[in-house]
């Protein structure tokens, strides 16, 4: 019996063709399996915030993220369904290092704009909150000191300020705007906040250019170091300095999305509602400019 080589070769060819088709189908299936199961999955945005900076950002008694800056970002998150915001309480140093390195996408800590920070972070167009700054002085001088202008007019002596400190730049700006009624500005690299209050009481200086929250914590709260001497101090506001959410350098789109929602929240009155809740007044009315002077 003759062996039919042609038939064998034909069968082999068909087998190879079938194997090739099956392999192709398998490759396509494998290619599809490489894609995410859920193409609409939200991007997780890690938001670092200070755990102890009341009322801006803190952890409340229920162990949940709280504070004005946190609440604003929570309101922003509600308008951005493409993102899932996760709020992470942390220390000041970890927040700054973490946002710069990409460990976190956003950080809030009552941060002022500075030239040095501009090199490391994206500052969005719109600030997130504001920090009130003014003068702590002796109660006996309430008749003389009503504002920074009257402090300068009465030759008030201000506690020295470190040149790299944002408060220094605020006084510099005031002096530029009031060339005929300037505050004497003394630079000093090292001094402790506690010493500033003592120096004012002792009469070495007449006023301490101070963040209002520091004054409250040190003088007006029962836990403050100078609470027992609260009747000897007075405080007057100068202005509010904008504070910003800090974004990682690779998160420009996220910062742009934040800005769009911020404008929406402002128009709707949501920001004013939160200001009244956390500060008790419209803090933005005290803001002069966007706070982005080169410090």
Protein backbone atom coordinates (compact mmCIF):
# COMPACT_ATOMS: atom_id res chain seq x y z
CA UNK A 1 0.00 0.00 0.00
CA UNK A 2 1.40 3.38 -1.01
CA UNK A 3 1.85 6.05 1.63
CA UNK A 4 0.00 9.24 0.57
CA UNK A 5 2.49 12.00 1.36
CA UNK A 6 0.32 14.70 -0.21
CA UNK A 7 -2.55 13.91 2.16
CA UNK A 8 -0.24 13.98 5.17
CA UNK A 9 1.23 17.33 4.16
CA UNK A 10 -2.23 18.79 3.62
CA UNK A 11 -3.38 17.71 7.06
CA UNK A 12 -0.22 19.14 8.63
CA UNK A 13 -0.74 22.47 6.90
CA UNK A 14 -4.31 22.70 8.16
CA UNK A 15 -3.12 21.89 11.70
CA UNK A 16 -0.47 24.60 11.61
CA UNK A 17 -2.96 27.16 10.30
CA UNK A 18 -5.43 26.27 13.04
CA UNK A 19 -2.72 26.51 15.71
CA UNK A 20 -1.72 29.92 14.38
CA UNK A 21 -5.27 31.21 14.51
CA UNK A 22 -5.74 29.92 18.04
CA UNK A 23 -2.46 31.50 19.13
CA UNK A 24 -3.56 34.79 17.61
CA UNK A 25 -6.82 34.66 19.49
CA UNK A 26 -4.96 33.84 22.69
CA UNK A 27 -2.65 36.84 22.19
CA UNK A 28 -5.63 39.11 21.69
CA UNK A 29 -7.22 37.79 24.85
CA UNK A 30 -3.96 38.28 26.73
CA UNK A 31 -3.70 41.80 25.35
CA UNK A 32 -7.18 42.62 26.63
CA UNK A 33 -6.41 41.18 30.03
CA UNK A 34 -3.52 43.64 30.43
CA UNK A 35 -6.01 46.54 30.58
CA UNK A 36 -7.41 47.72 33.91
CA UNK A 37 -10.59 45.99 34.90
CA UNK A 38 -12.23 49.37 35.55
CA UNK A 39 -11.22 52.06 33.07
CA UNK A 40 -13.27 54.64 35.02
CA UNK A 41 -11.40 54.11 38.31
CA UNK A 42 -10.87 57.35 40.23
CA UNK A 43 -7.40 58.74 40.76
CA UNK A 44 -6.47 58.75 44.44
CA UNK A 45 -5.26 62.16 45.63
CA UNK A 46 -3.32 62.08 48.89
CA UNK A 47 -3.85 65.25 50.93
CA UNK A 48 -1.47 65.83 53.84
CA UNK A 49 -2.56 68.24 56.56
CA UNK A 50 -1.21 69.35 59.92
CA UNK A 51 -2.83 67.55 62.80
CA UNK A 52 -2.72 70.40 65.32
CA UNK A 53 -3.21 73.77 63.62
CA UNK A 54 -6.66 74.82 64.85
CA UNK A 55 -8.79 76.14 63.16
CA UNK A 56 -7.02 75.65 59.82
CA UNK A 57 -6.27 71.92 59.85
CA UNK A 58 -6.39 69.46 62.70
CA UNK A 59 -7.75 66.13 63.91
CA UNK A 60 -10.98 66.59 65.87
CA UNK A 61 -12.25 64.75 68.95
CA UNK A 62 -13.80 62.09 66.70
CA UNK A 63 -10.32 61.45 65.24
CA UNK A 64 -11.33 62.86 61.85
CA UNK A 65 -9.64 65.48 59.63
CA UNK A 66 -11.09 68.91 60.36
CA UNK A 67 -10.42 72.61 59.98
CA UNK A 68 -11.15 75.34 57.45
CA UNK A 69 -8.49 74.36 54.90
CA UNK A 70 -9.48 70.69 55.16
CA UNK A 71 -13.16 71.60 54.76
CA UNK A 72 -12.45 73.65 51.63
CA UNK A 73 -10.60 70.72 50.06
CA UNK A 74 -13.43 68.38 51.04
CA UNK A 75 -15.85 70.72 49.27
CA UNK A 76 -13.52 70.78 46.25
CA UNK A 77 -13.36 66.98 46.23
CA UNK A 78 -17.16 66.76 46.15
CA UNK A 79 -17.11 68.65 42.83
CA UNK A 80 -14.38 66.51 41.24
CA UNK A 81 -15.76 62.97 40.80
CA UNK A 82 -12.69 61.91 38.81
CA UNK A 83 -10.64 62.04 42.02
CA UNK A 84 -10.80 60.33 45.40
CA UNK A 85 -9.28 62.55 48.08
CA UNK A 86 -7.62 60.84 51.06
CA UNK A 87 -6.79 63.11 54.02
CA UNK A 88 -3.67 62.23 56.00
CA UNK A 89 -2.74 64.05 59.24
CA UNK A 90 1.00 64.52 59.68
CA UNK A 91 3.77 66.79 60.98
CA UNK A 92 4.83 70.06 59.42
CA UNK A 93 8.18 68.70 58.19
CA UNK A 94 6.75 65.48 56.76
CA UNK A 95 4.09 67.46 54.90
CA UNK A 96 6.60 69.71 53.14
CA UNK A 97 9.04 66.91 52.32
CA UNK A 98 6.22 64.58 51.31
CA UNK A 99 4.53 66.98 48.88
CA UNK A 100 7.86 67.92 47.32
CA UNK A 101 8.85 64.26 46.85
CA UNK A 102 5.47 63.10 45.57
CA UNK A 103 4.54 61.07 48.63
CA UNK A 104 1.56 63.43 48.89
CA UNK A 105 -0.18 65.32 46.08
CA UNK A 106 -1.44 68.27 48.15
CA UNK A 107 -0.49 69.72 51.51
CA UNK A 108 -2.28 72.26 53.73
CA UNK A 109 -0.68 73.83 56.82
CA UNK A 110 -1.59 77.51 56.82
CA UNK A 111 1.24 78.02 54.31
CA UNK A 112 2.16 81.51 53.12
CA UNK A 113 3.65 82.12 49.70
CA UNK A 114 7.43 82.49 49.65
CA UNK A 115 9.96 82.60 46.84
CA UNK A 116 11.72 79.53 48.26
CA UNK A 117 8.48 77.52 48.34
CA UNK A 118 7.64 78.59 44.79
CA UNK A 119 10.73 76.69 43.66
CA UNK A 120 9.46 73.48 45.25
CA UNK A 121 5.68 73.53 44.87
CA UNK A 122 2.87 74.60 42.58
CA UNK A 123 0.88 77.47 44.05
CA UNK A 124 -2.63 77.55 42.58
CA UNK A 125 -4.19 80.77 41.35
CA UNK A 126 -6.53 81.02 44.33
CA UNK A 127 -5.53 80.94 47.99
CA UNK A 128 -7.34 78.56 50.30
CA UNK A 129 -7.51 80.60 53.53
CA UNK A 130 -5.84 83.53 55.28
CA UNK A 131 -3.80 84.14 58.40
CA UNK A 132 -4.52 87.34 60.36
CA UNK A 133 -1.50 89.30 61.48
CA UNK A 134 -1.30 92.31 63.78
CA UNK A 135 0.41 93.80 66.83
CA UNK A 136 0.52 92.49 70.38
CA UNK A 137 1.27 95.38 72.76
CA UNK A 138 0.81 96.53 76.35
CA UNK A 139 -2.77 97.20 77.43
CA UNK A 140 -1.76 100.60 78.75
CA UNK A 141 -0.98 101.72 75.18
CA UNK A 142 -4.44 101.02 73.75
CA UNK A 143 -5.06 104.75 73.43
CA UNK A 144 -1.97 105.19 71.25
CA UNK A 145 -1.90 102.09 69.07
CA UNK A 146 -4.98 101.55 66.90
CA UNK A 147 -3.19 100.11 63.86
CA UNK A 148 0.24 99.90 62.26
CA UNK A 149 -0.01 103.52 61.10
CA UNK A 150 -0.57 104.86 64.63
CA UNK A 151 2.15 102.52 65.92
CA UNK A 152 4.58 104.12 63.48
CA UNK A 153 3.33 107.65 64.18
CA UNK A 154 3.91 107.18 67.92
CA UNK A 155 7.42 105.85 67.29
CA UNK A 156 6.55 102.39 68.58
CA UNK A 157 9.52 100.06 68.83
CA UNK A 158 8.83 96.69 67.21
CA UNK A 159 10.33 93.38 68.40
CA UNK A 160 13.04 92.37 65.86
CA UNK A 161 11.94 90.00 63.08
CA UNK A 162 14.00 87.45 61.14
CA UNK A 163 14.47 88.72 57.54
CA UNK A 164 13.41 85.35 56.09
CA UNK A 165 10.16 85.51 58.04
CA UNK A 166 7.07 86.52 56.06
CA UNK A 167 6.14 89.04 58.78
CA UNK A 168 9.30 90.96 57.91
CA UNK A 169 8.13 91.29 54.30
CA UNK A 170 4.70 92.55 55.43
CA UNK A 171 6.28 95.38 57.43
CA UNK A 172 8.60 96.13 54.49
CA UNK A 173 5.57 96.41 52.24
CA UNK A 174 3.87 98.77 54.69
CA UNK A 175 7.00 100.96 54.79
CA UNK A 176 7.11 101.13 50.98
CA UNK A 177 3.50 102.31 50.98
CA UNK A 178 4.08 104.82 53.82
CA UNK A 179 7.46 106.46 53.15
CA UNK A 180 6.65 109.35 55.51
CA UNK A 181 5.40 107.20 58.38
CA UNK A 182 7.58 104.10 58.56
CA UNK A 183 7.93 101.46 61.23
CA UNK A 184 11.52 100.94 62.35
CA UNK A 185 12.27 97.40 61.23
CA UNK A 186 15.08 95.61 63.04
CA UNK A 187 16.32 92.31 61.57
CA UNK A 188 17.20 89.50 63.95
CA UNK A 189 18.01 85.90 63.13
CA UNK A 190 17.29 84.29 66.48
CA UNK A 191 14.68 84.84 69.13
CA UNK A 192 11.99 82.75 70.78
CA UNK A 193 8.31 83.65 70.57
CA UNK A 194 8.03 83.43 74.36
CA UNK A 195 10.74 86.06 74.69
CA UNK A 196 8.82 88.49 72.49
CA UNK A 197 5.89 88.65 74.94
CA UNK A 198 8.26 89.10 77.86
CA UNK A 199 10.18 91.86 76.09
CA UNK A 200 6.97 93.77 75.44
CA UNK A 201 5.88 93.50 79.08
CA UNK A 202 9.32 94.60 80.26
CA UNK A 203 9.18 97.67 78.02
CA UNK A 204 12.21 96.71 75.92
CA UNK A 205 9.90 96.89 72.91
CA UNK A 206 6.44 98.39 72.43
CA UNK A 207 4.92 95.78 70.14
CA UNK A 208 5.30 92.34 68.65
CA UNK A 209 4.16 91.88 65.02
CA UNK A 210 2.33 88.67 65.62
CA UNK A 211 0.03 86.14 63.96
CA UNK A 212 -3.35 86.42 65.67
CA UNK A 213 -3.57 82.68 66.24
CA UNK A 214 -0.27 82.79 68.17
CA UNK A 215 -1.61 85.64 70.31
CA UNK A 216 -4.78 83.68 71.05
CA UNK A 217 -2.89 80.51 71.94
CA UNK A 218 -0.36 82.26 74.15
CA UNK A 219 -2.47 84.95 75.80
CA UNK A 220 -6.21 84.28 75.54
CA UNK A 221 -6.44 80.50 75.97
CA UNK A 222 -6.39 79.09 79.49
CA UNK A 223 -3.53 76.81 78.47
CA UNK A 224 -1.47 79.74 77.20
CA UNK A 225 1.79 80.64 78.93
CA UNK A 226 0.67 84.26 79.39
CA UNK A 227 -2.99 83.63 80.15
CA UNK A 228 -2.63 84.88 83.74
CA UNK A 229 -1.20 88.12 82.33
CA UNK A 230 -3.88 88.50 79.63
CA UNK A 231 -5.15 91.76 81.16
CA UNK A 232 -1.77 93.33 80.51
CA UNK A 233 -1.85 92.67 76.73
CA UNK A 234 -3.85 94.10 73.84
CA UNK A 235 -3.97 93.13 70.18
CA UNK A 236 -4.93 94.98 67.01
CA UNK A 237 -5.26 93.50 63.53
CA UNK A 238 -3.30 94.76 60.54
CA UNK A 239 -4.35 92.51 57.68
CA UNK A 240 -4.79 88.90 56.62
CA UNK A 241 -2.09 87.10 54.64
CA UNK A 242 -3.38 84.48 52.16
CA UNK A 243 -2.47 80.86 52.81
CA UNK A 244 -2.22 78.31 50.01
CA UNK A 245 -2.65 74.63 49.36
CA UNK A 246 0.73 73.33 48.16
CA UNK A 247 0.68 71.02 45.11
CA UNK A 248 3.38 68.66 43.91
CA UNK A 249 5.24 70.01 40.87
CA UNK A 250 3.74 67.29 38.63
CA UNK A 251 0.15 68.10 39.59
CA UNK A 252 -0.59 71.17 37.46
CA UNK A 253 -3.85 69.69 36.15
CA UNK A 254 -5.00 68.98 39.69
CA UNK A 255 -4.16 72.56 40.70
CA UNK A 256 -6.12 73.88 37.70
CA UNK A 257 -9.11 71.74 38.65
CA UNK A 258 -8.90 73.08 42.20
CA UNK A 259 -8.94 76.68 40.92
CA UNK A 260 -12.07 76.11 38.83
CA UNK A 261 -13.96 74.59 41.75
CA UNK A 262 -12.71 77.32 44.15
CA UNK A 263 -14.34 79.94 41.94
CA UNK A 264 -17.57 77.96 41.96
CA UNK A 265 -17.52 77.64 45.76
CA UNK A 266 -16.90 81.35 46.16
CA UNK A 267 -19.82 82.30 43.91
CA UNK A 268 -22.17 79.87 45.64
CA UNK A 269 -21.38 81.30 49.10
CA UNK A 270 -19.91 78.00 50.35
CA UNK A 271 -16.57 79.59 51.26
CA UNK A 272 -18.26 82.32 53.29
CA UNK A 273 -20.31 79.66 55.07
CA UNK A 274 -17.11 77.83 56.06
CA UNK A 275 -15.39 81.09 57.11
CA UNK A 276 -18.22 81.84 59.52
CA UNK A 277 -18.11 78.29 60.85
CA UNK A 278 -14.38 78.18 61.59
CA UNK A 279 -13.44 81.86 62.12
CA UNK A 280 -16.72 83.53 63.03
CA UNK A 281 -16.30 86.26 60.40
CA UNK A 282 -15.37 86.87 56.75
CA UNK A 283 -11.59 86.57 57.02
CA UNK A 284 -11.08 87.21 53.30
CA UNK A 285 -12.20 90.82 53.77
CA UNK A 286 -8.91 91.44 55.58
CA UNK A 287 -6.81 90.13 52.67
CA UNK A 288 -4.83 92.68 50.68
CA UNK A 289 -3.63 91.27 47.36
CA UNK A 290 -2.86 87.62 46.72
CA UNK A 291 0.07 87.41 49.13
CA UNK A 292 2.49 86.46 46.35
CA UNK A 293 4.99 89.23 46.91
CA UNK A 294 8.52 87.87 46.54
CA UNK A 295 9.59 87.00 50.07
